[in-house]
Amino acid sequence: MYLTPPIHGASIVTTILKNSDMYNDWNIELKGMVDRILNMRQQLYEALQARGTPGDWSHIIKQIGMFSFTGLNEKQVRLMAKEYHIYMTYNGRISIGGLSLKTVTRLADAIHDVVTRIA
């Protein structure tokens, strides 16, 4: 049992940062992940726009990081869970990193439906 966080993570980071080949590989992989998340944000935004989903969805592509606030309210989020089995926090926060090209379309369809049904 640890009283403080283990040193394993710090040791791994130190090893990678001190080795130029490993550091270069890490940068390439990091760039790939960033590009993927940006692409998922863009795909979701474009899918919502294509459906004519009411509202301004530009915040999805303006935000950064693995998570995004959708702007959905709690009633809309609950309907998403009940009817589409798409789960997020009640304040509408979703994991962009959890999306794929297949699931982004399903998410956009569900968001469009709940937004047009519940204001």
C-alpha atoms as a PDB file:
ATOM      1  CA  MET A   1       0.000   0.000   0.000  1.00  0.00           C
ATOM      2  CA  TYR A   2       1.299   3.430  -0.891  1.00  0.00           C
ATOM      3  CA  LEU A   3       1.025   6.504   1.281  1.00  0.00           C
ATOM      4  CA  THR A   4       2.141   8.670  -1.616  1.00  0.00           C
ATOM      5  CA  PRO A   5       1.799   8.193  -5.357  1.00  0.00           C
ATOM      6  CA  PRO A   6       4.185   5.593  -6.759  1.00  0.00           C
ATOM      7  CA  ILE A   7       7.289   6.742  -8.556  1.00  0.00           C
ATOM      8  CA  HIS A   8       6.698   4.443 -11.553  1.00  0.00           C
ATOM      9  CA  GLY A   9       5.028   7.105 -13.715  1.00  0.00           C
ATOM     10  CA  ALA A  10       7.735   9.645 -13.021  1.00  0.00           C
ATOM     11  CA  SER A  11      10.410   7.072 -13.854  1.00  0.00           C
ATOM     12  CA  ILE A  12       8.788   6.295 -17.188  1.00  0.00           C
ATOM     13  CA  VAL A  13       8.503   9.974 -18.074  1.00  0.00           C
ATOM     14  CA  THR A  14      12.134  10.574 -17.115  1.00  0.00           C
ATOM     15  CA  THR A  15      13.280   7.663 -19.290  1.00  0.00           C
ATOM     16  CA  ILE A  16      11.320   8.959 -22.298  1.00  0.00           C
ATOM     17  CA  LEU A  17      12.411  12.569 -21.916  1.00  0.00           C
ATOM     18  CA  LYS A  18      16.080  11.655 -21.584  1.00  0.00           C
ATOM     19  CA  ASN A  19      16.124   9.429 -24.670  1.00  0.00           C
ATOM     20  CA  SER A  20      15.872  11.444 -27.895  1.00  0.00           C
ATOM     21  CA  ASP A  21      14.493   8.541 -29.956  1.00  0.00           C
ATOM     22  CA  MET A  22      11.817   7.773 -27.385  1.00  0.00           C
ATOM     23  CA  TYR A  23      11.015  11.468 -27.013  1.00  0.00           C
ATOM     24  CA  ASN A  24      10.592  11.855 -30.788  1.00  0.00           C
ATOM     25  CA  ASP A  25       8.304   8.784 -30.898  1.00  0.00           C
ATOM     26  CA  TRP A  26       6.276  10.195 -28.003  1.00  0.00           C
ATOM     27  CA  ASN A  27       5.868  13.528 -29.814  1.00  0.00           C
ATOM     28  CA  ILE A  28       4.651  11.761 -32.954  1.00  0.00           C
ATOM     29  CA  GLU A  29       2.132   9.718 -30.955  1.00  0.00           C
ATOM     30  CA  LEU A  30       0.992  12.789 -29.036  1.00  0.00           C
ATOM     31  CA  LYS A  31       0.443  14.715 -32.267  1.00  0.00           C
ATOM     32  CA  GLY A  32      -1.579  11.792 -33.608  1.00  0.00           C
ATOM     33  CA  MET A  33      -3.854  11.825 -30.567  1.00  0.00           C
ATOM     34  CA  VAL A  34      -4.314  15.586 -30.715  1.00  0.00           C
ATOM     35  CA  ASP A  35      -5.157  15.427 -34.416  1.00  0.00           C
ATOM     36  CA  ARG A  36      -7.644  12.612 -33.798  1.00  0.00           C
ATOM     37  CA  ILE A  37      -9.474  14.563 -31.093  1.00  0.00           C
ATOM     38  CA  LEU A  38      -9.558  17.700 -33.257  1.00  0.00           C
ATOM     39  CA  ASN A  39     -10.940  15.596 -36.110  1.00  0.00           C
ATOM     40  CA  MET A  40     -13.683  14.122 -33.896  1.00  0.00           C
ATOM     41  CA  ARG A  41     -14.656  17.635 -32.770  1.00  0.00           C
ATOM     42  CA  GLN A  42     -14.812  18.795 -36.394  1.00  0.00           C
ATOM     43  CA  GLN A  43     -16.800  15.721 -37.463  1.00  0.00           C
ATOM     44  CA  LEU A  44     -19.355  16.234 -34.678  1.00  0.00           C
ATOM     45  CA  TYR A  45     -19.692  19.924 -35.458  1.00  0.00           C
ATOM     46  CA  GLU A  46     -20.168  19.272 -39.178  1.00  0.00           C
ATOM     47  CA  ALA A  47     -22.676  16.480 -38.518  1.00  0.00           C
ATOM     48  CA  LEU A  48     -24.771  18.769 -36.305  1.00  0.00           C
ATOM     49  CA  GLN A  49     -24.589  21.543 -38.893  1.00  0.00           C
ATOM     50  CA  ALA A  50     -25.600  19.152 -41.700  1.00  0.00           C
ATOM     51  CA  ARG A  51     -28.678  18.097 -39.739  1.00  0.00           C
ATOM     52  CA  GLY A  52     -29.673  21.695 -39.100  1.00  0.00           C
ATOM     53  CA  THR A  53     -29.581  21.082 -35.370  1.00  0.00           C
ATOM     54  CA  PRO A  54     -30.936  24.181 -33.618  1.00  0.00           C
ATOM     55  CA  GLY A  55     -28.338  26.252 -31.776  1.00  0.00           C
ATOM     56  CA  ASP A  56     -24.770  27.378 -32.173  1.00  0.00           C
ATOM     57  CA  TRP A  57     -22.450  24.377 -32.010  1.00  0.00           C
ATOM     58  CA  SER A  58     -19.203  26.248 -32.672  1.00  0.00           C
ATOM     59  CA  HIS A  59     -18.181  25.776 -29.036  1.00  0.00           C
ATOM     60  CA  ILE A  60     -17.430  22.136 -29.867  1.00  0.00           C
ATOM     61  CA  ILE A  61     -14.603  23.116 -32.212  1.00  0.00           C
ATOM     62  CA  LYS A  62     -13.485  26.073 -30.081  1.00  0.00           C
ATOM     63  CA  GLN A  63     -12.943  23.964 -26.970  1.00  0.00           C
ATOM     64  CA  ILE A  64      -9.782  21.903 -26.532  1.00  0.00           C
ATOM     65  CA  GLY A  65      -8.969  18.664 -24.791  1.00  0.00           C
ATOM     66  CA  MET A  66     -10.446  15.215 -24.468  1.00  0.00           C
ATOM     67  CA  PHE A  67     -13.776  16.398 -23.057  1.00  0.00           C
ATOM     68  CA  SER A  68     -16.383  18.816 -24.329  1.00  0.00           C
ATOM     69  CA  PHE A  69     -19.436  20.516 -22.924  1.00  0.00           C
ATOM     70  CA  THR A  70     -22.241  19.908 -25.403  1.00  0.00           C
ATOM     71  CA  GLY A  71     -24.587  22.564 -24.086  1.00  0.00           C
ATOM     72  CA  LEU A  72     -27.271  19.965 -23.433  1.00  0.00           C
ATOM     73  CA  ASN A  73     -29.345  20.432 -20.303  1.00  0.00           C
ATOM     74  CA  GLU A  74     -30.120  17.720 -17.762  1.00  0.00           C
ATOM     75  CA  LYS A  75     -33.485  16.795 -19.315  1.00  0.00           C
ATOM     76  CA  GLN A  76     -31.845  16.361 -22.711  1.00  0.00           C
ATOM     77  CA  VAL A  77     -29.000  14.311 -21.207  1.00  0.00           C
ATOM     78  CA  ARG A  78     -31.466  12.020 -19.441  1.00  0.00           C
ATOM     79  CA  LEU A  79     -33.391  11.511 -22.695  1.00  0.00           C
ATOM     80  CA  MET A  80     -30.120  10.661 -24.479  1.00  0.00           C
ATOM     81  CA  ALA A  81     -29.449   7.972 -21.882  1.00  0.00           C
ATOM     82  CA  LYS A  82     -33.001   6.609 -21.866  1.00  0.00           C
ATOM     83  CA  GLU A  83     -33.597   6.453 -25.608  1.00  0.00           C
ATOM     84  CA  TYR A  84     -30.124   6.195 -27.122  1.00  0.00           C
ATOM     85  CA  HIS A  85     -28.010   4.702 -24.325  1.00  0.00           C
ATOM     86  CA  ILE A  86     -25.557   7.547 -24.766  1.00  0.00           C
ATOM     87  CA  TYR A  87     -24.250   8.576 -21.377  1.00  0.00           C
ATOM     88  CA  MET A  88     -22.648  11.795 -20.178  1.00  0.00           C
ATOM     89  CA  THR A  89     -22.617  13.894 -17.051  1.00  0.00           C
ATOM     90  CA  TYR A  90     -25.851  15.744 -16.341  1.00  0.00           C
ATOM     91  CA  ASN A  91     -24.221  19.040 -17.298  1.00  0.00           C
ATOM     92  CA  GLY A  92     -23.692  17.678 -20.834  1.00  0.00           C
ATOM     93  CA  ARG A  93     -19.971  16.902 -20.633  1.00  0.00           C
ATOM     94  CA  ILE A  94     -18.862  14.149 -23.039  1.00  0.00           C
ATOM     95  CA  SER A  95     -15.632  12.369 -23.849  1.00  0.00           C
ATOM     96  CA  ILE A  96     -14.458  13.405 -27.294  1.00  0.00           C
ATOM     97  CA  GLY A  97     -11.654  10.862 -27.013  1.00  0.00           C
ATOM     98  CA  GLY A  98     -14.305   8.136 -26.782  1.00  0.00           C
ATOM     99  CA  LEU A  99     -15.793   8.991 -30.181  1.00  0.00           C
ATOM    100  CA  SER A 100     -15.007   7.266 -33.454  1.00  0.00           C
ATOM    101  CA  LEU A 101     -16.003   7.908 -37.048  1.00  0.00           C
ATOM    102  CA  LYS A 102     -18.804   5.356 -36.573  1.00  0.00           C
ATOM    103  CA  THR A 103     -20.151   6.726 -33.301  1.00  0.00           C
ATOM    104  CA  VAL A 104     -19.965  10.450 -34.090  1.00  0.00           C
ATOM    105  CA  THR A 105     -22.869  10.069 -36.554  1.00  0.00           C
ATOM    106  CA  ARG A 106     -24.981   8.267 -33.963  1.00  0.00           C
ATOM    107  CA  LEU A 107     -24.185  10.950 -31.393  1.00  0.00           C
ATOM    108  CA  ALA A 108     -25.113  13.740 -33.804  1.00  0.00           C
ATOM    109  CA  ASP A 109     -28.420  12.020 -34.614  1.00  0.00           C
ATOM    110  CA  ALA A 110     -29.239  11.667 -30.920  1.00  0.00           C
ATOM    111  CA  ILE A 111     -28.268  15.256 -30.086  1.00  0.00           C
ATOM    112  CA  HIS A 112     -30.351  16.532 -32.985  1.00  0.00           C
ATOM    113  CA  ASP A 113     -33.346  14.534 -31.796  1.00  0.00           C
ATOM    114  CA  VAL A 114     -33.230  15.607 -28.159  1.00  0.00           C
ATOM    115  CA  VAL A 115     -32.530  19.254 -28.961  1.00  0.00           C
ATOM    116  CA  THR A 116     -35.487  19.437 -31.336  1.00  0.00           C
ATOM    117  CA  ARG A 117     -37.763  17.667 -28.831  1.00  0.00           C
ATOM    118  CA  ILE A 118     -36.717  19.372 -25.591  1.00  0.00           C
ATOM    119  CA  ALA A 119     -35.695  23.029 -25.454  1.00  0.00           C
END
